[in-house]
PDB file of N, CA and C in Angstrom:
ATOM      1  N   MET A   1      -2.302  -7.569 -34.922  1.00  0.00           N
ATOM      2  CA  MET A   1      -3.009  -8.469 -33.901  1.00  0.00           C
ATOM      3  C   MET A   1      -1.947  -9.330 -33.216  1.00  0.00           C
ATOM      4  N   LEU A   2      -2.008  -9.298 -31.937  1.00  0.00           N
ATOM      5  CA  LEU A   2      -1.164 -10.100 -31.128  1.00  0.00           C
ATOM      6  C   LEU A   2      -1.827 -11.502 -30.830  1.00  0.00           C
ATOM      7  N   VAL A   3      -1.223 -12.604 -31.234  1.00  0.00           N
ATOM      8  CA  VAL A   3      -1.775 -13.960 -31.061  1.00  0.00           C
ATOM      9  C   VAL A   3      -0.876 -14.630 -29.915  1.00  0.00           C
ATOM     10  N   LEU A   4      -1.591 -15.149 -29.050  1.00  0.00           N
ATOM     11  CA  LEU A   4      -0.995 -15.843 -27.796  1.00  0.00           C
ATOM     12  C   LEU A   4      -1.623 -17.165 -27.666  1.00  0.00           C
ATOM     13  N   THR A   5      -0.793 -18.180 -27.217  1.00  0.00           N
ATOM     14  CA  THR A   5      -1.216 -19.459 -26.946  1.00  0.00           C
ATOM     15  C   THR A   5      -1.293 -19.574 -25.377  1.00  0.00           C
ATOM     16  N   ARG A   6      -2.407 -20.159 -24.806  1.00  0.00           N
ATOM     17  CA  ARG A   6      -2.672 -20.263 -23.425  1.00  0.00           C
ATOM     18  C   ARG A   6      -3.210 -21.523 -23.190  1.00  0.00           C
ATOM     19  N   LYS A   7      -3.044 -22.066 -22.012  1.00  0.00           N
ATOM     20  CA  LYS A   7      -3.732 -23.381 -21.611  1.00  0.00           C
ATOM     21  C   LYS A   7      -4.715 -23.070 -20.602  1.00  0.00           C
ATOM     22  N   VAL A   8      -5.680 -23.966 -20.286  1.00  0.00           N
ATOM     23  CA  VAL A   8      -6.688 -23.794 -19.219  1.00  0.00           C
ATOM     24  C   VAL A   8      -5.899 -23.390 -17.973  1.00  0.00           C
ATOM     25  N   GLY A   9      -6.513 -22.260 -17.171  1.00  0.00           N
ATOM     26  CA  GLY A   9      -5.963 -21.849 -16.055  1.00  0.00           C
ATOM     27  C   GLY A   9      -4.896 -20.659 -16.203  1.00  0.00           C
ATOM     28  N   GLU A  10      -4.411 -20.595 -17.421  1.00  0.00           N
ATOM     29  CA  GLU A  10      -3.398 -19.603 -17.648  1.00  0.00           C
ATOM     30  C   GLU A  10      -4.174 -18.234 -18.100  1.00  0.00           C
ATOM     31  N   SER A  11      -3.423 -17.110 -17.831  1.00  0.00           N
ATOM     32  CA  SER A  11      -4.066 -15.816 -18.071  1.00  0.00           C
ATOM     33  C   SER A  11      -3.085 -14.967 -18.964  1.00  0.00           C
ATOM     34  N   ILE A  12      -3.695 -13.870 -19.403  1.00  0.00           N
ATOM     35  CA  ILE A  12      -2.980 -12.729 -19.912  1.00  0.00           C
ATOM     36  C   ILE A  12      -3.527 -11.367 -19.286  1.00  0.00           C
ATOM     37  N   THR A  13      -2.674 -10.388 -19.272  1.00  0.00           N
ATOM     38  CA  THR A  13      -3.132  -9.191 -18.687  1.00  0.00           C
ATOM     39  C   THR A  13      -3.074  -8.043 -19.757  1.00  0.00           C
ATOM     40  N   ILE A  14      -4.015  -7.199 -19.623  1.00  0.00           N
ATOM     41  CA  ILE A  14      -4.094  -6.061 -20.553  1.00  0.00           C
ATOM     42  C   ILE A  14      -4.004  -4.797 -19.681  1.00  0.00           C
ATOM     43  N   GLY A  15      -2.972  -4.091 -19.817  1.00  0.00           N
ATOM     44  CA  GLY A  15      -2.728  -2.909 -19.020  1.00  0.00           C
ATOM     45  C   GLY A  15      -2.495  -3.414 -17.551  1.00  0.00           C
ATOM     46  N   ASP A  16      -2.798  -2.591 -16.671  1.00  0.00           N
ATOM     47  CA  ASP A  16      -2.708  -2.807 -15.146  1.00  0.00           C
ATOM     48  C   ASP A  16      -3.913  -3.490 -14.606  1.00  0.00           C
ATOM     49  N   GLN A  17      -5.062  -3.356 -15.229  1.00  0.00           N
ATOM     50  CA  GLN A  17      -6.383  -3.572 -14.465  1.00  0.00           C
ATOM     51  C   GLN A  17      -7.113  -4.741 -15.132  1.00  0.00           C
ATOM     52  N   ILE A  18      -6.761  -5.283 -16.295  1.00  0.00           N
ATOM     53  CA  ILE A  18      -7.597  -6.246 -16.983  1.00  0.00           C
ATOM     54  C   ILE A  18      -6.818  -7.567 -17.056  1.00  0.00           C
ATOM     55  N   GLU A  19      -7.489  -8.678 -16.562  1.00  0.00           N
ATOM     56  CA  GLU A  19      -6.898 -10.029 -16.720  1.00  0.00           C
ATOM     57  C   GLU A  19      -7.882 -10.946 -17.373  1.00  0.00           C
ATOM     58  N   VAL A  20      -7.400 -11.767 -18.496  1.00  0.00           N
ATOM     59  CA  VAL A  20      -8.258 -12.602 -19.186  1.00  0.00           C
ATOM     60  C   VAL A  20      -7.669 -14.019 -18.870  1.00  0.00           C
ATOM     61  N   THR A  21      -8.549 -14.974 -18.372  1.00  0.00           N
ATOM     62  CA  THR A  21      -8.215 -16.243 -17.943  1.00  0.00           C
ATOM     63  C   THR A  21      -8.940 -17.275 -18.756  1.00  0.00           C
ATOM     64  N   ILE A  22      -8.119 -18.295 -19.254  1.00  0.00           N
ATOM     65  CA  ILE A  22      -8.775 -19.486 -20.098  1.00  0.00           C
ATOM     66  C   ILE A  22      -9.463 -20.296 -18.956  1.00  0.00           C
ATOM     67  N   ILE A  23     -10.702 -20.528 -19.032  1.00  0.00           N
ATOM     68  CA  ILE A  23     -11.483 -21.258 -18.092  1.00  0.00           C
ATOM     69  C   ILE A  23     -11.705 -22.736 -18.574  1.00  0.00           C
ATOM     70  N   GLU A  24     -12.078 -22.896 -19.758  1.00  0.00           N
ATOM     71  CA  GLU A  24     -12.271 -24.168 -20.314  1.00  0.00           C
ATOM     72  C   GLU A  24     -12.171 -24.133 -21.868  1.00  0.00           C
ATOM     73  N   ILE A  25     -11.727 -25.299 -22.325  1.00  0.00           N
ATOM     74  CA  ILE A  25     -11.688 -25.564 -23.832  1.00  0.00           C
ATOM     75  C   ILE A  25     -12.429 -26.851 -24.043  1.00  0.00           C
ATOM     76  N   LYS A  26     -13.488 -26.696 -24.985  1.00  0.00           N
ATOM     77  CA  LYS A  26     -14.297 -27.843 -25.216  1.00  0.00           C
ATOM     78  C   LYS A  26     -14.664 -27.746 -26.724  1.00  0.00           C
ATOM     79  N   GLY A  27     -13.841 -28.683 -27.456  1.00  0.00           N
ATOM     80  CA  GLY A  27     -14.048 -28.720 -28.907  1.00  0.00           C
ATOM     81  C   GLY A  27     -13.595 -27.464 -29.466  1.00  0.00           C
ATOM     82  N   ASP A  28     -14.385 -26.840 -30.226  1.00  0.00           N
ATOM     83  CA  ASP A  28     -13.990 -25.533 -30.844  1.00  0.00           C
ATOM     84  C   ASP A  28     -14.419 -24.281 -30.139  1.00  0.00           C
ATOM     85  N   GLN A  29     -14.913 -24.451 -28.900  1.00  0.00           N
ATOM     86  CA  GLN A  29     -15.239 -23.324 -27.992  1.00  0.00           C
ATOM     87  C   GLN A  29     -14.235 -23.154 -26.925  1.00  0.00           C
ATOM     88  N   VAL A  30     -14.000 -21.876 -26.489  1.00  0.00           N
ATOM     89  CA  VAL A  30     -13.139 -21.475 -25.430  1.00  0.00           C
ATOM     90  C   VAL A  30     -13.831 -20.710 -24.527  1.00  0.00           C
ATOM     91  N   LYS A  31     -13.994 -21.090 -23.208  1.00  0.00           N
ATOM     92  CA  LYS A  31     -14.626 -20.280 -22.154  1.00  0.00           C
ATOM     93  C   LYS A  31     -13.597 -19.444 -21.468  1.00  0.00           C
ATOM     94  N   ILE A  32     -13.720 -18.056 -21.471  1.00  0.00           N
ATOM     95  CA  ILE A  32     -12.879 -17.164 -20.839  1.00  0.00           C
ATOM     96  C   ILE A  32     -13.485 -16.374 -19.711  1.00  0.00           C
ATOM     97  N   GLY A  33     -12.652 -16.008 -18.710  1.00  0.00           N
ATOM     98  CA  GLY A  33     -13.045 -15.196 -17.675  1.00  0.00           C
ATOM     99  C   GLY A  33     -12.419 -13.848 -17.764  1.00  0.00           C
ATOM    100  N   ILE A  34     -13.030 -12.842 -17.537  1.00  0.00           N
ATOM    101  CA  ILE A  34     -12.436 -11.493 -17.626  1.00  0.00           C
ATOM    102  C   ILE A  34     -12.620 -10.717 -16.298  1.00  0.00           C
ATOM    103  N   GLU A  35     -11.555 -10.339 -15.702  1.00  0.00           N
ATOM    104  CA  GLU A  35     -11.546  -9.457 -14.532  1.00  0.00           C
ATOM    105  C   GLU A  35     -11.170  -7.996 -14.975  1.00  0.00           C
ATOM    106  N   ALA A  36     -12.015  -7.186 -14.682  1.00  0.00           N
ATOM    107  CA  ALA A  36     -11.724  -5.704 -15.060  1.00  0.00           C
ATOM    108  C   ALA A  36     -12.557  -4.901 -14.140  1.00  0.00           C
ATOM    109  N   PRO A  37     -12.133  -3.534 -13.959  1.00  0.00           N
ATOM    110  CA  PRO A  37     -12.950  -2.561 -13.232  1.00  0.00           C
ATOM    111  C   PRO A  37     -14.432  -2.485 -13.653  1.00  0.00           C
ATOM    112  N   LYS A  38     -15.335  -2.186 -12.846  1.00  0.00           N
ATOM    113  CA  LYS A  38     -16.732  -2.038 -13.144  1.00  0.00           C
ATOM    114  C   LYS A  38     -16.863  -0.929 -14.205  1.00  0.00           C
ATOM    115  N   ALA A  39     -16.050   0.018 -14.263  1.00  0.00           N
ATOM    116  CA  ALA A  39     -16.086   1.112 -15.280  1.00  0.00           C
ATOM    117  C   ALA A  39     -15.810   0.668 -16.652  1.00  0.00           C
ATOM    118  N   VAL A  40     -15.198  -0.488 -16.858  1.00  0.00           N
ATOM    119  CA  VAL A  40     -14.905  -0.925 -18.200  1.00  0.00           C
ATOM    120  C   VAL A  40     -16.034  -1.778 -18.686  1.00  0.00           C
ATOM    121  N   ASP A  41     -16.580  -1.298 -19.962  1.00  0.00           N
ATOM    122  CA  ASP A  41     -17.617  -2.071 -20.508  1.00  0.00           C
ATOM    123  C   ASP A  41     -16.950  -3.275 -21.275  1.00  0.00           C
ATOM    124  N   ILE A  42     -17.599  -4.430 -21.114  1.00  0.00           N
ATOM    125  CA  ILE A  42     -17.154  -5.649 -21.810  1.00  0.00           C
ATOM    126  C   ILE A  42     -18.398  -6.218 -22.551  1.00  0.00           C
ATOM    127  N   HIS A  43     -18.300  -6.386 -23.862  1.00  0.00           N
ATOM    128  CA  HIS A  43     -19.405  -6.874 -24.644  1.00  0.00           C
ATOM    129  C   HIS A  43     -18.772  -7.999 -25.648  1.00  0.00           C
ATOM    130  N   ARG A  44     -19.646  -8.869 -26.177  1.00  0.00           N
ATOM    131  CA  ARG A  44     -19.231  -9.736 -27.317  1.00  0.00           C
ATOM    132  C   ARG A  44     -19.210  -8.777 -28.496  1.00  0.00           C
ATOM    133  N   LYS A  45     -18.387  -9.088 -29.396  1.00  0.00           N
ATOM    134  CA  LYS A  45     -18.176  -8.064 -30.574  1.00  0.00           C
ATOM    135  C   LYS A  45     -19.511  -7.752 -31.316  1.00  0.00           C
ATOM    136  N   GLU A  46     -20.319  -8.894 -31.487  1.00  0.00           N
ATOM    137  CA  GLU A  46     -21.526  -8.691 -32.273  1.00  0.00           C
ATOM    138  C   GLU A  46     -22.524  -7.662 -31.493  1.00  0.00           C
ATOM    139  N   ILE A  47     -22.566  -7.736 -30.138  1.00  0.00           N
ATOM    140  CA  ILE A  47     -23.278  -6.859 -29.424  1.00  0.00           C
ATOM    141  C   ILE A  47     -22.745  -5.438 -29.497  1.00  0.00           C
ATOM    142  N   TYR A  48     -21.477  -5.316 -29.349  1.00  0.00           N
ATOM    143  CA  TYR A  48     -20.780  -4.030 -29.401  1.00  0.00           C
ATOM    144  C   TYR A  48     -21.139  -3.308 -30.689  1.00  0.00           C
ATOM    145  N   VAL A  49     -21.005  -4.060 -31.861  1.00  0.00           N
ATOM    146  CA  VAL A  49     -21.334  -3.498 -33.143  1.00  0.00           C
ATOM    147  C   VAL A  49     -22.759  -3.058 -33.219  1.00  0.00           C
ATOM    148  N   THR A  50     -23.678  -3.819 -32.666  1.00  0.00           N
ATOM    149  CA  THR A  50     -25.125  -3.408 -32.730  1.00  0.00           C
ATOM    150  C   THR A  50     -25.376  -2.174 -31.841  1.00  0.00           C
ATOM    151  N   ILE A  51     -24.617  -2.032 -30.718  1.00  0.00           N
ATOM    152  CA  ILE A  51     -24.698  -0.872 -29.913  1.00  0.00           C
ATOM    153  C   ILE A  51     -24.332   0.371 -30.744  1.00  0.00           C
ATOM    154  N   GLN A  52     -23.078   0.206 -31.319  1.00  0.00           N
ATOM    155  CA  GLN A  52     -22.593   1.365 -32.103  1.00  0.00           C
ATOM    156  C   GLN A  52     -23.465   1.758 -33.259  1.00  0.00           C
ATOM    157  N   GLU A  53     -24.050   0.864 -33.915  1.00  0.00           N
ATOM    158  CA  GLU A  53     -24.956   1.095 -35.053  1.00  0.00           C
ATOM    159  C   GLU A  53     -26.195   1.800 -34.460  1.00  0.00           C
ATOM    160  N   GLU A  54     -26.741   1.388 -33.325  1.00  0.00           N
ATOM    161  CA  GLU A  54     -27.989   1.984 -32.828  1.00  0.00           C
ATOM    162  C   GLU A  54     -27.657   3.424 -32.281  1.00  0.00           C
ATOM    163  N   ASN A  55     -26.515   3.660 -31.749  1.00  0.00           N
ATOM    164  CA  ASN A  55     -26.016   4.968 -31.307  1.00  0.00           C
ATOM    165  C   ASN A  55     -25.890   5.917 -32.589  1.00  0.00           C
ATOM    166  N   GLN A  56     -25.387   5.394 -33.633  1.00  0.00           N
ATOM    167  CA  GLN A  56     -25.243   6.178 -34.960  1.00  0.00           C
ATOM    168  C   GLN A  56     -26.634   6.575 -35.399  1.00  0.00           C
ATOM    169  N   ARG A  57     -27.577   5.621 -35.433  1.00  0.00           N
ATOM    170  CA  ARG A  57     -28.944   5.973 -35.872  1.00  0.00           C
ATOM    171  C   ARG A  57     -29.473   7.073 -34.950  1.00  0.00           C
ATOM    172  N   ALA A  58     -29.435   6.858 -33.623  1.00  0.00           N
ATOM    173  CA  ALA A  58     -29.871   7.854 -32.742  1.00  0.00           C
ATOM    174  C   ALA A  58     -29.334   9.202 -32.994  1.00  0.00           C
ATOM    175  N   ALA A  59     -28.026   9.294 -33.216  1.00  0.00           N
ATOM    176  CA  ALA A  59     -27.478  10.623 -33.484  1.00  0.00           C
ATOM    177  C   ALA A  59     -28.030  11.243 -34.815  1.00  0.00           C
ATOM    178  N   GLU A  60     -28.145  10.404 -35.773  1.00  0.00           N
ATOM    179  CA  GLU A  60     -28.681  10.858 -37.090  1.00  0.00           C
ATOM    180  C   GLU A  60     -30.097  11.374 -36.974  1.00  0.00           C
ATOM    181  N   ASN A  61     -30.897  10.676 -36.147  1.00  0.00           N
ATOM    182  CA  ASN A  61     -32.297  11.083 -35.899  1.00  0.00           C
ATOM    183  C   ASN A  61     -32.265  12.352 -35.109  1.00  0.00           C
ATOM    184  N   ALA A  62     -31.445  12.463 -34.145  1.00  0.00           N
ATOM    185  CA  ALA A  62     -31.449  13.856 -33.415  1.00  0.00           C
ATOM    186  C   ALA A  62     -30.973  14.889 -34.306  1.00  0.00           C
ATOM    187  N   ASN A  63     -30.079  14.729 -35.197  1.00  0.00           N
ATOM    188  CA  ASN A  63     -29.601  15.716 -36.215  1.00  0.00           C
ATOM    189  C   ASN A  63     -30.823  16.229 -37.084  1.00  0.00           C
ATOM    190  N   ASN A  64     -31.572  15.119 -37.554  1.00  0.00           N
ATOM    191  CA  ASN A  64     -32.709  15.407 -38.482  1.00  0.00           C
ATOM    192  C   ASN A  64     -33.758  16.189 -37.723  1.00  0.00           C
ATOM    193  N   PHE A  65     -34.006  15.802 -36.392  1.00  0.00           N
ATOM    194  CA  PHE A  65     -34.903  16.424 -35.636  1.00  0.00           C
ATOM    195  C   PHE A  65     -34.544  17.961 -35.350  1.00  0.00           C
ATOM    196  N   ASN A  66     -33.318  18.123 -35.155  1.00  0.00           N
ATOM    197  CA  ASN A  66     -32.805  19.611 -34.931  1.00  0.00           C
ATOM    198  C   ASN A  66     -32.981  20.383 -36.182  1.00  0.00           C
ATOM    199  N   LYS A  67     -32.866  19.871 -37.263  1.00  0.00           N
ATOM    200  CA  LYS A  67     -32.974  20.553 -38.588  1.00  0.00           C
ATOM    201  C   LYS A  67     -34.425  20.999 -38.815  1.00  0.00           C
ATOM    202  N   ILE A  68     -35.361  20.109 -38.321  1.00  0.00           N
ATOM    203  CA  ILE A  68     -36.817  20.447 -38.466  1.00  0.00           C
ATOM    204  C   ILE A  68     -37.168  21.653 -37.608  1.00  0.00           C
ATOM    205  N   LEU A  69     -36.561  21.749 -36.491  1.00  0.00           N
ATOM    206  CA  LEU A  69     -36.845  22.817 -35.563  1.00  0.00           C
ATOM    207  C   LEU A  69     -36.165  24.051 -36.002  1.00  0.00           C
TER     208      LEU A  69
END
């Protein structure tokens, strides 16, 4: 894992098309802004994990349905 220190208003870039900017720091929370192409999905990790789990369940259900046929 790469660990960087940034101040409010400073940014990092990921590749050529993604920029992450520190917007605000308040207590133990950091507000960030992300600029990326519309084709790039951006999710909070807990949402991403939920999506992956639901996709896995859907694939398993489709496999079970196909075995019945």
